[in-house]
Amino acid sequence: MVFEVSWSDGVLVENDGIRMLLDPSRFTNISANYFFISHAHKDHTSGFMENNKIKYSTTQTISLFEGMFKKKVKNAVSCVYGQPSDLHKLELKIVNSGHVFGSGALVLTDRDVTFLYTGDFNFTDTLTQKAITPIECDILVVETTYGRPNFTFPPREDVYYDIVEWTAKTIKENNLPIFLVYPIGKAQEITKLFNLFTTIPVVTHPAISKANEIVNKFGDTLTYYDLLIDGAELIKSKNCVALFPSTFSPKILKSTYPCAKIAVATGWTLLYSNKNIDASFALSGHADFPQLIQFIKACRPKMVYTIHGYASDFAIRLNKMGIHAKPLFR
């Protein structure tokens, strides 16, 4: 194969002296010439903190990082979906991964050999993202966050219905519905859900308001009321739904808002429960197990490397199916 793939605090891809580190987990790694940052979630953006490396990412991801973390990215190559660029003798292209706003999968091509790195991805349409499109490739590096058969999500439309139904019921009972969500990704999807299908106002924590504001600058029309500005009276009335970052403690929120009912929207609800949570909904920005299998088959790779989640288990399953695979790390 033209490409060599290994793990070095991120996925390290080497090709004829070019070394690119994909989603580095630490910015101190000096073994790579270039970085690729797939999306703006905090656990994927360490590479933006390294000032001297040349960093490839989408314009949206760079804007989200700079706006959310208040740090200017230096030496960044701002990429547009589907628009190829030259990296020495390689063709480099970023395509939509379907995970969150601005998220990208990386395609590298050298002559007739194609390398695909999915980053975190979703293989189903959501209210805010289009599903990733399979790309026929020789080498595929795929995330396996939900790489076990028990992670099979219900139809998204059913989950949307359940979220709206629970929220309306909670308001009718004179309680305040609060969702704990990622400020980038899930927050925009749930904001859009209530905007499109209900008249329930959405009140957002300032961190979520900031993310929504950046997304709207790229052409979306999310409607929300910031908690510290125009959302305070709505919170008092309890005739709204409130979105807080997932890092908030349900106990603290309930002490601040005694009538609060707390909900989460995550694929992990199929595995874990929390006694301090009143409702859980299996809504994820990642592909579930059946989607992982379908996507890989559609890409027809000669070699698959698995990362994150159940990387080892999933690689074993792929090999049993006749698809050559191995985990990059366990």
C-alpha atoms as a PDB file:
ATOM      1  CA  MET A   1       0.000   0.000   0.000  1.00  0.00           C
ATOM      2  CA  VAL A   2       1.149   3.557  -0.695  1.00  0.00           C
ATOM      3  CA  PHE A   3      -0.083   4.752   2.717  1.00  0.00           C
ATOM      4  CA  GLU A   4       1.272   3.609   6.075  1.00  0.00           C
ATOM      5  CA  VAL A   5      -1.083   3.991   9.039  1.00  0.00           C
ATOM      6  CA  SER A   6      -0.231   3.888  12.748  1.00  0.00           C
ATOM      7  CA  TRP A   7      -1.257   5.403  16.077  1.00  0.00           C
ATOM      8  CA  SER A   8       0.741   8.287  17.587  1.00  0.00           C
ATOM      9  CA  ASP A   9      -1.558  10.337  19.847  1.00  0.00           C
ATOM     10  CA  GLY A  10      -3.814  10.372  16.808  1.00  0.00           C
ATOM     11  CA  VAL A  11      -3.955   8.576  13.472  1.00  0.00           C
ATOM     12  CA  LEU A  12      -0.592   9.011  11.749  1.00  0.00           C
ATOM     13  CA  VAL A  13      -0.648   8.655   7.950  1.00  0.00           C
ATOM     14  CA  GLU A  14       2.647   8.492   6.076  1.00  0.00           C
ATOM     15  CA  ASN A  15       3.198   8.732   2.341  1.00  0.00           C
ATOM     16  CA  ASP A  16       6.564   9.258   0.675  1.00  0.00           C
ATOM     17  CA  GLY A  17       7.959  11.461   3.452  1.00  0.00           C
ATOM     18  CA  ILE A  18       4.672  13.258   4.164  1.00  0.00           C
ATOM     19  CA  ARG A  19       3.425  12.644   7.698  1.00  0.00           C
ATOM     20  CA  MET A  20      -0.049  13.850   8.631  1.00  0.00           C
ATOM     21  CA  LEU A  21      -1.517  13.425  12.116  1.00  0.00           C
ATOM     22  CA  LEU A  22      -5.310  13.161  12.176  1.00  0.00           C
ATOM     23  CA  ASP A  23      -7.196  14.464  15.209  1.00  0.00           C
ATOM     24  CA  PRO A  24      -4.125  14.562  17.492  1.00  0.00           C
ATOM     25  CA  SER A  25      -5.031  14.110  21.140  1.00  0.00           C
ATOM     26  CA  ARG A  26      -2.037  16.207  22.194  1.00  0.00           C
ATOM     27  CA  PHE A  27      -0.563  19.197  20.393  1.00  0.00           C
ATOM     28  CA  THR A  28       2.977  18.446  21.571  1.00  0.00           C
ATOM     29  CA  ASN A  29       3.474  15.655  19.037  1.00  0.00           C
ATOM     30  CA  ILE A  30       6.218  16.730  16.620  1.00  0.00           C
ATOM     31  CA  SER A  31       6.351  13.620  14.426  1.00  0.00           C
ATOM     32  CA  ALA A  32       4.001  15.025  11.777  1.00  0.00           C
ATOM     33  CA  ASN A  33       4.374  17.650   9.061  1.00  0.00           C
ATOM     34  CA  TYR A  34       0.651  18.409   8.979  1.00  0.00           C
ATOM     35  CA  PHE A  35      -2.453  18.082  11.151  1.00  0.00           C
ATOM     36  CA  PHE A  36      -6.071  17.367  10.245  1.00  0.00           C
ATOM     37  CA  ILE A  37      -8.864  18.328  12.653  1.00  0.00           C
ATOM     38  CA  SER A  38     -12.160  16.658  11.805  1.00  0.00           C
ATOM     39  CA  HIS A  39     -14.574  18.678  13.945  1.00  0.00           C
ATOM     40  CA  ALA A  40     -14.860  21.164  16.788  1.00  0.00           C
ATOM     41  CA  HIS A  41     -15.558  18.912  19.783  1.00  0.00           C
ATOM     42  CA  LYS A  42     -13.011  19.607  22.507  1.00  0.00           C
ATOM     43  CA  ASP A  43     -11.530  16.087  22.493  1.00  0.00           C
ATOM     44  CA  HIS A  44     -10.617  16.487  18.800  1.00  0.00           C
ATOM     45  CA  THR A  45      -9.230  20.027  18.685  1.00  0.00           C
ATOM     46  CA  SER A  46      -5.867  19.801  20.472  1.00  0.00           C
ATOM     47  CA  GLY A  47      -4.150  20.177  17.101  1.00  0.00           C
ATOM     48  CA  PHE A  48      -5.472  23.725  16.774  1.00  0.00           C
ATOM     49  CA  MET A  49      -3.380  24.701  19.806  1.00  0.00           C
ATOM     50  CA  GLU A  50      -0.096  23.939  18.034  1.00  0.00           C
ATOM     51  CA  ASN A  51       0.871  27.182  16.342  1.00  0.00           C
ATOM     52  CA  ASN A  52       3.649  25.979  14.029  1.00  0.00           C
ATOM     53  CA  LYS A  53       2.003  23.040  12.257  1.00  0.00           C
ATOM     54  CA  ILE A  54      -0.036  23.486   9.099  1.00  0.00           C
ATOM     55  CA  LYS A  55      -3.565  22.426   9.973  1.00  0.00           C
ATOM     56  CA  TYR A  56      -6.292  21.330   7.552  1.00  0.00           C
ATOM     57  CA  SER A  57      -9.927  21.663   8.592  1.00  0.00           C
ATOM     58  CA  THR A  58     -13.234  23.019   7.331  1.00  0.00           C
ATOM     59  CA  THR A  59     -14.004  26.722   7.492  1.00  0.00           C
ATOM     60  CA  GLN A  60     -16.945  25.927   9.802  1.00  0.00           C
ATOM     61  CA  THR A  61     -14.845  23.910  12.253  1.00  0.00           C
ATOM     62  CA  ILE A  62     -12.184  26.614  12.449  1.00  0.00           C
ATOM     63  CA  SER A  63     -14.866  29.258  13.079  1.00  0.00           C
ATOM     64  CA  LEU A  64     -16.519  27.163  15.791  1.00  0.00           C
ATOM     65  CA  PHE A  65     -13.213  26.550  17.547  1.00  0.00           C
ATOM     66  CA  GLU A  66     -12.181  30.198  17.452  1.00  0.00           C
ATOM     67  CA  GLY A  67     -15.599  31.375  18.627  1.00  0.00           C
ATOM     68  CA  MET A  68     -16.113  28.790  21.369  1.00  0.00           C
ATOM     69  CA  PHE A  69     -12.570  28.663  22.748  1.00  0.00           C
ATOM     70  CA  LYS A  70     -11.626  32.293  22.059  1.00  0.00           C
ATOM     71  CA  LYS A  71      -8.311  31.396  20.456  1.00  0.00           C
ATOM     72  CA  LYS A  72      -7.156  32.334  16.980  1.00  0.00           C
ATOM     73  CA  VAL A  73      -5.956  29.376  14.907  1.00  0.00           C
ATOM     74  CA  LYS A  74      -2.596  29.942  13.256  1.00  0.00           C
ATOM     75  CA  ASN A  75      -1.327  28.301  10.063  1.00  0.00           C
ATOM     76  CA  ALA A  76      -4.735  26.881   9.200  1.00  0.00           C
ATOM     77  CA  VAL A  77      -5.798  25.804   5.721  1.00  0.00           C
ATOM     78  CA  SER A  78      -9.529  26.499   5.568  1.00  0.00           C
ATOM     79  CA  CYS A  79     -11.174  23.846   3.377  1.00  0.00           C
ATOM     80  CA  VAL A  80     -14.495  23.678   1.546  1.00  0.00           C
ATOM     81  CA  TYR A  81     -16.402  20.402   1.339  1.00  0.00           C
ATOM     82  CA  GLY A  82     -15.573  18.450  -1.794  1.00  0.00           C
ATOM     83  CA  GLN A  83     -13.000  20.904  -3.109  1.00  0.00           C
ATOM     84  CA  PRO A  84      -9.689  19.102  -3.738  1.00  0.00           C
ATOM     85  CA  SER A  85      -6.301  20.622  -3.013  1.00  0.00           C
ATOM     86  CA  ASP A  86      -2.750  19.455  -3.577  1.00  0.00           C
ATOM     87  CA  LEU A  87      -0.535  18.296  -0.715  1.00  0.00           C
ATOM     88  CA  HIS A  88       2.753  17.668  -2.523  1.00  0.00           C
ATOM     89  CA  LYS A  89       1.876  14.757  -4.843  1.00  0.00           C
ATOM     90  CA  LEU A  90      -1.281  13.855  -2.880  1.00  0.00           C
ATOM     91  CA  GLU A  91      -4.796  15.046  -3.580  1.00  0.00           C
ATOM     92  CA  LEU A  92      -6.507  16.085  -0.331  1.00  0.00           C
ATOM     93  CA  LYS A  93     -10.248  16.511   0.023  1.00  0.00           C
ATOM     94  CA  ILE A  94     -12.597  16.959   2.982  1.00  0.00           C
ATOM     95  CA  VAL A  95     -16.165  15.665   2.719  1.00  0.00           C
ATOM     96  CA  ASN A  96     -19.091  16.006   5.094  1.00  0.00           C
ATOM     97  CA  SER A  97     -19.035  13.319   7.802  1.00  0.00           C
ATOM     98  CA  GLY A  98     -22.585  13.941   9.059  1.00  0.00           C
ATOM     99  CA  HIS A  99     -21.479  14.155  12.709  1.00  0.00           C
ATOM    100  CA  VAL A 100     -21.892  17.827  13.673  1.00  0.00           C
ATOM    101  CA  PHE A 101     -21.838  21.215  11.977  1.00  0.00           C
ATOM    102  CA  GLY A 102     -18.615  21.517   9.986  1.00  0.00           C
ATOM    103  CA  SER A 103     -17.426  17.977  10.654  1.00  0.00           C
ATOM    104  CA  GLY A 104     -15.350  16.383   7.936  1.00  0.00           C
ATOM    105  CA  ALA A 105     -13.958  13.080   6.740  1.00  0.00           C
ATOM    106  CA  LEU A 106     -10.560  13.167   5.047  1.00  0.00           C
ATOM    107  CA  VAL A 107      -9.827  11.673   1.614  1.00  0.00           C
ATOM    108  CA  LEU A 108      -6.211  11.346   0.453  1.00  0.00           C
ATOM    109  CA  THR A 109      -5.414  10.024  -3.018  1.00  0.00           C
ATOM    110  CA  ASP A 110      -2.058   8.988  -4.452  1.00  0.00           C
ATOM    111  CA  ARG A 111      -2.320   7.819  -8.052  1.00  0.00           C
ATOM    112  CA  ASP A 112      -4.878   4.993  -7.930  1.00  0.00           C
ATOM    113  CA  VAL A 113      -4.825   4.435  -4.130  1.00  0.00           C
ATOM    114  CA  THR A 114      -7.436   6.112  -1.947  1.00  0.00           C
ATOM    115  CA  PHE A 115      -7.277   6.576   1.830  1.00  0.00           C
ATOM    116  CA  LEU A 116     -10.383   7.551   3.835  1.00  0.00           C
ATOM    117  CA  TYR A 117     -10.507   8.681   7.468  1.00  0.00           C
ATOM    118  CA  THR A 118     -14.084   9.103   8.689  1.00  0.00           C
ATOM    119  CA  GLY A 119     -13.448  10.954  11.931  1.00  0.00           C
ATOM    120  CA  ASP A 120     -16.632  10.808  14.004  1.00  0.00           C
ATOM    121  CA  PHE A 121     -19.463  10.225  11.537  1.00  0.00           C
ATOM    122  CA  ASN A 122     -23.151   9.589  11.102  1.00  0.00           C
ATOM    123  CA  PHE A 123     -24.675   7.442   8.361  1.00  0.00           C
ATOM    124  CA  THR A 124     -28.216   8.780   8.635  1.00  0.00           C
ATOM    125  CA  ASP A 125     -29.742  12.174   7.910  1.00  0.00           C
ATOM    126  CA  THR A 126     -30.633  14.397  10.862  1.00  0.00           C
ATOM    127  CA  LEU A 127     -32.508  17.689  11.076  1.00  0.00           C
ATOM    128  CA  THR A 128     -29.204  19.549  10.809  1.00  0.00           C
ATOM    129  CA  GLN A 129     -26.772  17.215   8.996  1.00  0.00           C
ATOM    130  CA  LYS A 130     -26.736  15.080   5.879  1.00  0.00           C
ATOM    131  CA  ALA A 131     -25.409  11.532   6.274  1.00  0.00           C
ATOM    132  CA  ILE A 132     -21.869  10.798   5.154  1.00  0.00           C
ATOM    133  CA  THR A 133     -21.634   9.504   1.592  1.00  0.00           C
ATOM    134  CA  PRO A 134     -19.674   6.244   1.214  1.00  0.00           C
ATOM    135  CA  ILE A 135     -16.470   6.567  -0.783  1.00  0.00           C
ATOM    136  CA  GLU A 136     -14.881   3.555  -2.429  1.00  0.00           C
ATOM    137  CA  CYS A 137     -11.383   3.338  -0.966  1.00  0.00           C
ATOM    138  CA  ASP A 138      -8.395   1.082  -0.462  1.00  0.00           C
ATOM    139  CA  ILE A 139      -7.679   1.989   3.167  1.00  0.00           C
ATOM    140  CA  LEU A 140     -10.395   3.001   5.620  1.00  0.00           C
ATOM    141  CA  VAL A 141      -9.868   4.306   9.149  1.00  0.00           C
ATOM    142  CA  VAL A 142     -13.241   4.219  10.883  1.00  0.00           C
ATOM    143  CA  GLU A 143     -14.435   5.182  14.348  1.00  0.00           C
ATOM    144  CA  THR A 144     -16.251   2.421  16.216  1.00  0.00           C
ATOM    145  CA  THR A 145     -17.746   4.294  19.177  1.00  0.00           C
ATOM    146  CA  TYR A 146     -20.877   2.133  18.993  1.00  0.00           C
ATOM    147  CA  GLY A 147     -19.225  -0.940  17.517  1.00  0.00           C
ATOM    148  CA  ARG A 148     -21.290  -3.644  19.235  1.00  0.00           C
ATOM    149  CA  PRO A 149     -24.622  -5.124  18.080  1.00  0.00           C
ATOM    150  CA  ASN A 150     -26.496  -3.916  21.179  1.00  0.00           C
ATOM    151  CA  PHE A 151     -26.050  -0.375  19.877  1.00  0.00           C
ATOM    152  CA  THR A 152     -28.904  -0.295  17.381  1.00  0.00           C
ATOM    153  CA  PHE A 153     -30.713   3.020  17.564  1.00  0.00           C
ATOM    154  CA  PRO A 154     -34.460   3.387  17.019  1.00  0.00           C
ATOM    155  CA  PRO A 155     -35.642   5.353  13.958  1.00  0.00           C
ATOM    156  CA  ARG A 156     -34.660   8.990  14.419  1.00  0.00           C
ATOM    157  CA  GLU A 157     -38.178  10.212  13.672  1.00  0.00           C
ATOM    158  CA  ASP A 158     -39.487   8.108  16.584  1.00  0.00           C
ATOM    159  CA  VAL A 159     -36.915   9.611  18.936  1.00  0.00           C
ATOM    160  CA  TYR A 160     -37.822  13.126  17.783  1.00  0.00           C
ATOM    161  CA  TYR A 161     -41.480  12.386  18.513  1.00  0.00           C
ATOM    162  CA  ASP A 162     -40.670  11.035  21.975  1.00  0.00           C
ATOM    163  CA  ILE A 163     -38.568  14.112  22.831  1.00  0.00           C
ATOM    164  CA  VAL A 164     -41.335  16.513  21.848  1.00  0.00           C
ATOM    165  CA  GLU A 165     -44.003  14.448  23.613  1.00  0.00           C
ATOM    166  CA  TRP A 166     -42.009  14.278  26.873  1.00  0.00           C
ATOM    167  CA  THR A 167     -41.263  18.005  26.751  1.00  0.00           C
ATOM    168  CA  ALA A 168     -44.884  18.988  26.160  1.00  0.00           C
ATOM    169  CA  LYS A 169     -46.035  16.689  28.980  1.00  0.00           C
ATOM    170  CA  THR A 170     -43.445  18.141  31.347  1.00  0.00           C
ATOM    171  CA  ILE A 171     -44.557  21.711  30.603  1.00  0.00           C
ATOM    172  CA  LYS A 172     -48.223  20.730  30.988  1.00  0.00           C
ATOM    173  CA  GLU A 173     -47.397  19.391  34.461  1.00  0.00           C
ATOM    174  CA  ASN A 174     -45.964  22.828  35.337  1.00  0.00           C
ATOM    175  CA  ASN A 175     -42.368  21.611  35.354  1.00  0.00           C
ATOM    176  CA  LEU A 176     -39.343  22.947  33.482  1.00  0.00           C
ATOM    177  CA  PRO A 177     -37.873  20.538  30.889  1.00  0.00           C
ATOM    178  CA  ILE A 178     -34.073  20.756  30.683  1.00  0.00           C
ATOM    179  CA  PHE A 179     -31.899  18.874  28.203  1.00  0.00           C
ATOM    180  CA  LEU A 180     -28.217  18.259  28.862  1.00  0.00           C
ATOM    181  CA  VAL A 181     -26.522  18.312  25.445  1.00  0.00           C
ATOM    182  CA  TYR A 182     -23.211  18.942  23.700  1.00  0.00           C
ATOM    183  CA  PRO A 183     -23.068  22.670  22.815  1.00  0.00           C
ATOM    184  CA  ILE A 184     -21.818  21.706  19.341  1.00  0.00           C
ATOM    185  CA  GLY A 185     -23.999  19.161  17.559  1.00  0.00           C
ATOM    186  CA  LYS A 186     -26.845  17.907  19.708  1.00  0.00           C
ATOM    187  CA  ALA A 187     -27.767  21.431  20.821  1.00  0.00           C
ATOM    188  CA  GLN A 188     -28.354  22.545  17.238  1.00  0.00           C
ATOM    189  CA  GLU A 189     -30.346  19.419  16.398  1.00  0.00           C
ATOM    190  CA  ILE A 190     -32.680  19.783  19.373  1.00  0.00           C
ATOM    191  CA  THR A 191     -33.041  23.521  18.817  1.00  0.00           C
ATOM    192  CA  LYS A 192     -34.034  22.797  15.221  1.00  0.00           C
ATOM    193  CA  LEU A 193     -36.464  20.071  16.338  1.00  0.00           C
ATOM    194  CA  PHE A 194     -38.457  22.442  18.523  1.00  0.00           C
ATOM    195  CA  ASN A 195     -38.213  25.263  15.978  1.00  0.00           C
ATOM    196  CA  LEU A 196     -39.629  23.140  13.161  1.00  0.00           C
ATOM    197  CA  PHE A 197     -42.300  21.069  14.860  1.00  0.00           C
ATOM    198  CA  THR A 198     -43.473  23.013  17.921  1.00  0.00           C
ATOM    199  CA  THR A 199     -44.134  26.517  19.196  1.00  0.00           C
ATOM    200  CA  ILE A 200     -42.138  25.802  22.367  1.00  0.00           C
ATOM    201  CA  PRO A 201     -39.428  28.460  22.861  1.00  0.00           C
ATOM    202  CA  VAL A 202     -35.851  27.199  23.273  1.00  0.00           C
ATOM    203  CA  VAL A 203     -33.777  28.811  26.042  1.00  0.00           C
ATOM    204  CA  THR A 204     -30.039  28.202  25.774  1.00  0.00           C
ATOM    205  CA  HIS A 205     -27.086  28.429  28.123  1.00  0.00           C
ATOM    206  CA  PRO A 206     -24.576  31.049  26.834  1.00  0.00           C
ATOM    207  CA  ALA A 207     -22.167  28.377  25.571  1.00  0.00           C
ATOM    208  CA  ILE A 208     -24.942  26.891  23.439  1.00  0.00           C
ATOM    209  CA  SER A 209     -26.111  30.345  22.362  1.00  0.00           C
ATOM    210  CA  LYS A 210     -22.595  31.044  21.078  1.00  0.00           C
ATOM    211  CA  ALA A 211     -22.498  27.828  19.043  1.00  0.00           C
ATOM    212  CA  ASN A 212     -25.968  28.521  17.625  1.00  0.00           C
ATOM    213  CA  GLU A 213     -24.896  32.057  16.722  1.00  0.00           C
ATOM    214  CA  ILE A 214     -21.875  30.793  14.776  1.00  0.00           C
ATOM    215  CA  VAL A 215     -23.983  28.201  12.952  1.00  0.00           C
ATOM    216  CA  ASN A 216     -26.513  30.874  12.005  1.00  0.00           C
ATOM    217  CA  LYS A 217     -23.744  33.009  10.504  1.00  0.00           C
ATOM    218  CA  PHE A 218     -23.253  30.231   7.943  1.00  0.00           C
ATOM    219  CA  GLY A 219     -26.888  30.440   6.869  1.00  0.00           C
ATOM    220  CA  ASP A 220     -28.984  28.469   9.344  1.00  0.00           C
ATOM    221  CA  THR A 221     -32.004  30.023  11.070  1.00  0.00           C
ATOM    222  CA  LEU A 222     -31.953  28.604  14.585  1.00  0.00           C
ATOM    223  CA  THR A 223     -34.278  30.484  16.949  1.00  0.00           C
ATOM    224  CA  TYR A 224     -33.268  30.555  20.617  1.00  0.00           C
ATOM    225  CA  TYR A 225     -33.316  32.791  23.701  1.00  0.00           C
ATOM    226  CA  ASP A 226     -30.146  33.197  25.706  1.00  0.00           C
ATOM    227  CA  LEU A 227     -30.508  32.291  29.367  1.00  0.00           C
ATOM    228  CA  LEU A 228     -28.824  35.486  30.577  1.00  0.00           C
ATOM    229  CA  ILE A 229     -30.468  37.880  28.133  1.00  0.00           C
ATOM    230  CA  ASP A 230     -33.977  37.267  26.844  1.00  0.00           C
ATOM    231  CA  GLY A 231     -34.541  33.769  28.248  1.00  0.00           C
ATOM    232  CA  ALA A 232     -34.753  34.566  31.959  1.00  0.00           C
ATOM    233  CA  GLU A 233     -38.478  35.346  31.956  1.00  0.00           C
ATOM    234  CA  LEU A 234     -39.240  32.279  29.876  1.00  0.00           C
ATOM    235  CA  ILE A 235     -37.415  30.107  32.411  1.00  0.00           C
ATOM    236  CA  LYS A 236     -39.518  31.613  35.199  1.00  0.00           C
ATOM    237  CA  SER A 237     -42.712  30.873  33.276  1.00  0.00           C
ATOM    238  CA  LYS A 238     -41.620  27.263  32.634  1.00  0.00           C
ATOM    239  CA  ASN A 239     -43.331  27.495  29.227  1.00  0.00           C
ATOM    240  CA  CYS A 240     -40.150  26.624  27.375  1.00  0.00           C
ATOM    241  CA  VAL A 241     -37.451  23.995  26.995  1.00  0.00           C
ATOM    242  CA  ALA A 242     -33.958  24.790  28.303  1.00  0.00           C
ATOM    243  CA  LEU A 243     -30.670  23.472  26.903  1.00  0.00           C
ATOM    244  CA  PHE A 244     -27.589  23.251  29.121  1.00  0.00           C
ATOM    245  CA  PRO A 245     -24.147  21.777  28.369  1.00  0.00           C
ATOM    246  CA  SER A 246     -23.872  18.085  29.191  1.00  0.00           C
ATOM    247  CA  THR A 247     -21.170  18.867  31.779  1.00  0.00           C
ATOM    248  CA  PHE A 248     -23.749  20.389  34.129  1.00  0.00           C
ATOM    249  CA  SER A 249     -24.723  18.439  37.243  1.00  0.00           C
ATOM    250  CA  PRO A 250     -28.394  17.379  37.312  1.00  0.00           C
ATOM    251  CA  LYS A 251     -28.392  17.800  41.112  1.00  0.00           C
ATOM    252  CA  ILE A 252     -27.156  21.378  40.894  1.00  0.00           C
ATOM    253  CA  LEU A 253     -29.650  22.223  38.167  1.00  0.00           C
ATOM    254  CA  LYS A 254     -32.506  20.818  40.234  1.00  0.00           C
ATOM    255  CA  SER A 255     -31.382  22.843  43.240  1.00  0.00           C
ATOM    256  CA  THR A 256     -31.353  25.979  41.055  1.00  0.00           C
ATOM    257  CA  TYR A 257     -34.627  25.130  39.313  1.00  0.00           C
ATOM    258  CA  PRO A 258     -36.708  23.081  41.804  1.00  0.00           C
ATOM    259  CA  CYS A 259     -39.373  22.263  39.201  1.00  0.00           C
ATOM    260  CA  ALA A 260     -36.846  21.023  36.658  1.00  0.00           C
ATOM    261  CA  LYS A 261     -37.065  17.665  34.926  1.00  0.00           C
ATOM    262  CA  ILE A 262     -33.738  16.656  33.395  1.00  0.00           C
ATOM    263  CA  ALA A 263     -33.317  14.748  30.127  1.00  0.00           C
ATOM    264  CA  VAL A 264     -30.341  13.563  28.091  1.00  0.00           C
ATOM    265  CA  ALA A 265     -30.100  12.635  24.414  1.00  0.00           C
ATOM    266  CA  THR A 266     -27.258  10.199  23.771  1.00  0.00           C
ATOM    267  CA  GLY A 267     -26.615   6.804  22.270  1.00  0.00           C
ATOM    268  CA  TRP A 268     -25.114   5.712  25.587  1.00  0.00           C
ATOM    269  CA  THR A 269     -28.604   5.572  27.091  1.00  0.00           C
ATOM    270  CA  LEU A 270     -28.774   2.050  25.588  1.00  0.00           C
ATOM    271  CA  LEU A 271     -26.018   1.006  27.977  1.00  0.00           C
ATOM    272  CA  TYR A 272     -26.029   3.316  30.986  1.00  0.00           C
ATOM    273  CA  SER A 273     -28.662   4.905  33.202  1.00  0.00           C
ATOM    274  CA  ASN A 274     -28.422   7.765  35.699  1.00  0.00           C
ATOM    275  CA  LYS A 275     -30.743   7.955  38.692  1.00  0.00           C
ATOM    276  CA  ASN A 276     -30.543  11.757  38.601  1.00  0.00           C
ATOM    277  CA  ILE A 277     -31.919  11.875  35.045  1.00  0.00           C
ATOM    278  CA  ASP A 278     -35.678  11.901  34.487  1.00  0.00           C
ATOM    279  CA  ALA A 279     -35.685  10.906  30.823  1.00  0.00           C
ATOM    280  CA  SER A 280     -33.187   9.500  28.305  1.00  0.00           C
ATOM    281  CA  PHE A 281     -33.424   9.434  24.528  1.00  0.00           C
ATOM    282  CA  ALA A 282     -31.230   7.390  22.179  1.00  0.00           C
ATOM    283  CA  LEU A 283     -30.184  10.216  19.874  1.00  0.00           C
ATOM    284  CA  SER A 284     -26.598  10.216  18.627  1.00  0.00           C
ATOM    285  CA  GLY A 285     -24.346  11.985  16.164  1.00  0.00           C
ATOM    286  CA  HIS A 286     -22.464   8.715  15.591  1.00  0.00           C
ATOM    287  CA  ALA A 287     -23.262   5.718  13.421  1.00  0.00           C
ATOM    288  CA  ASP A 288     -24.750   2.776  15.296  1.00  0.00           C
ATOM    289  CA  PHE A 289     -23.609  -0.817  14.765  1.00  0.00           C
ATOM    290  CA  PRO A 290     -25.755  -1.614  11.690  1.00  0.00           C
ATOM    291  CA  GLN A 291     -24.780   1.699  10.088  1.00  0.00           C
ATOM    292  CA  LEU A 292     -21.089   0.976  10.645  1.00  0.00           C
ATOM    293  CA  ILE A 293     -21.418  -2.343   8.831  1.00  0.00           C
ATOM    294  CA  GLN A 294     -23.461  -0.842   5.990  1.00  0.00           C
ATOM    295  CA  PHE A 295     -21.051   2.050   5.517  1.00  0.00           C
ATOM    296  CA  ILE A 296     -17.942  -0.135   5.454  1.00  0.00           C
ATOM    297  CA  LYS A 297     -19.474  -2.540   2.949  1.00  0.00           C
ATOM    298  CA  ALA A 298     -20.425   0.389   0.721  1.00  0.00           C
ATOM    299  CA  CYS A 299     -16.838   1.730   0.799  1.00  0.00           C
ATOM    300  CA  ARG A 300     -15.423  -1.678  -0.256  1.00  0.00           C
ATOM    301  CA  PRO A 301     -12.029  -1.158   1.441  1.00  0.00           C
ATOM    302  CA  LYS A 302      -9.133  -3.570   1.115  1.00  0.00           C
ATOM    303  CA  MET A 303      -7.988  -2.735   4.662  1.00  0.00           C
ATOM    304  CA  VAL A 304      -9.892  -1.309   7.636  1.00  0.00           C
ATOM    305  CA  TYR A 305      -8.366   0.206  10.768  1.00  0.00           C
ATOM    306  CA  THR A 306     -10.718   0.684  13.718  1.00  0.00           C
ATOM    307  CA  ILE A 307     -10.370   3.369  16.396  1.00  0.00           C
ATOM    308  CA  HIS A 308     -12.244   4.433  19.540  1.00  0.00           C
ATOM    309  CA  GLY A 309     -15.012   2.647  21.403  1.00  0.00           C
ATOM    310  CA  TYR A 310     -15.078  -1.086  20.652  1.00  0.00           C
ATOM    311  CA  ALA A 311     -12.210  -1.064  18.154  1.00  0.00           C
ATOM    312  CA  SER A 312     -10.927  -4.579  18.926  1.00  0.00           C
ATOM    313  CA  ASP A 313     -14.341  -6.250  19.072  1.00  0.00           C
ATOM    314  CA  PHE A 314     -15.446  -4.608  15.871  1.00  0.00           C
ATOM    315  CA  ALA A 315     -12.268  -5.542  13.990  1.00  0.00           C
ATOM    316  CA  ILE A 316     -12.778  -9.196  14.981  1.00  0.00           C
ATOM    317  CA  ARG A 317     -16.335  -9.078  13.629  1.00  0.00           C
ATOM    318  CA  LEU A 318     -15.162  -7.563  10.348  1.00  0.00           C
ATOM    319  CA  ASN A 319     -12.519 -10.270   9.883  1.00  0.00           C
ATOM    320  CA  LYS A 320     -15.160 -12.954  10.433  1.00  0.00           C
ATOM    321  CA  MET A 321     -17.161 -11.286   7.652  1.00  0.00           C
ATOM    322  CA  GLY A 322     -14.173 -11.518   5.313  1.00  0.00           C
ATOM    323  CA  ILE A 323     -13.179  -7.854   5.627  1.00  0.00           C
ATOM    324  CA  HIS A 324      -9.497  -7.460   6.551  1.00  0.00           C
ATOM    325  CA  ALA A 325      -9.380  -5.279   9.675  1.00  0.00           C
ATOM    326  CA  LYS A 326      -7.336  -4.486  12.749  1.00  0.00           C
ATOM    327  CA  PRO A 327      -7.584  -1.989  15.609  1.00  0.00           C
ATOM    328  CA  LEU A 328      -5.048   0.836  15.627  1.00  0.00           C
ATOM    329  CA  PHE A 329      -5.128   0.826  19.413  1.00  0.00           C
ATOM    330  CA  ARG A 330      -7.075  -0.987  22.114  1.00  0.00           C
END
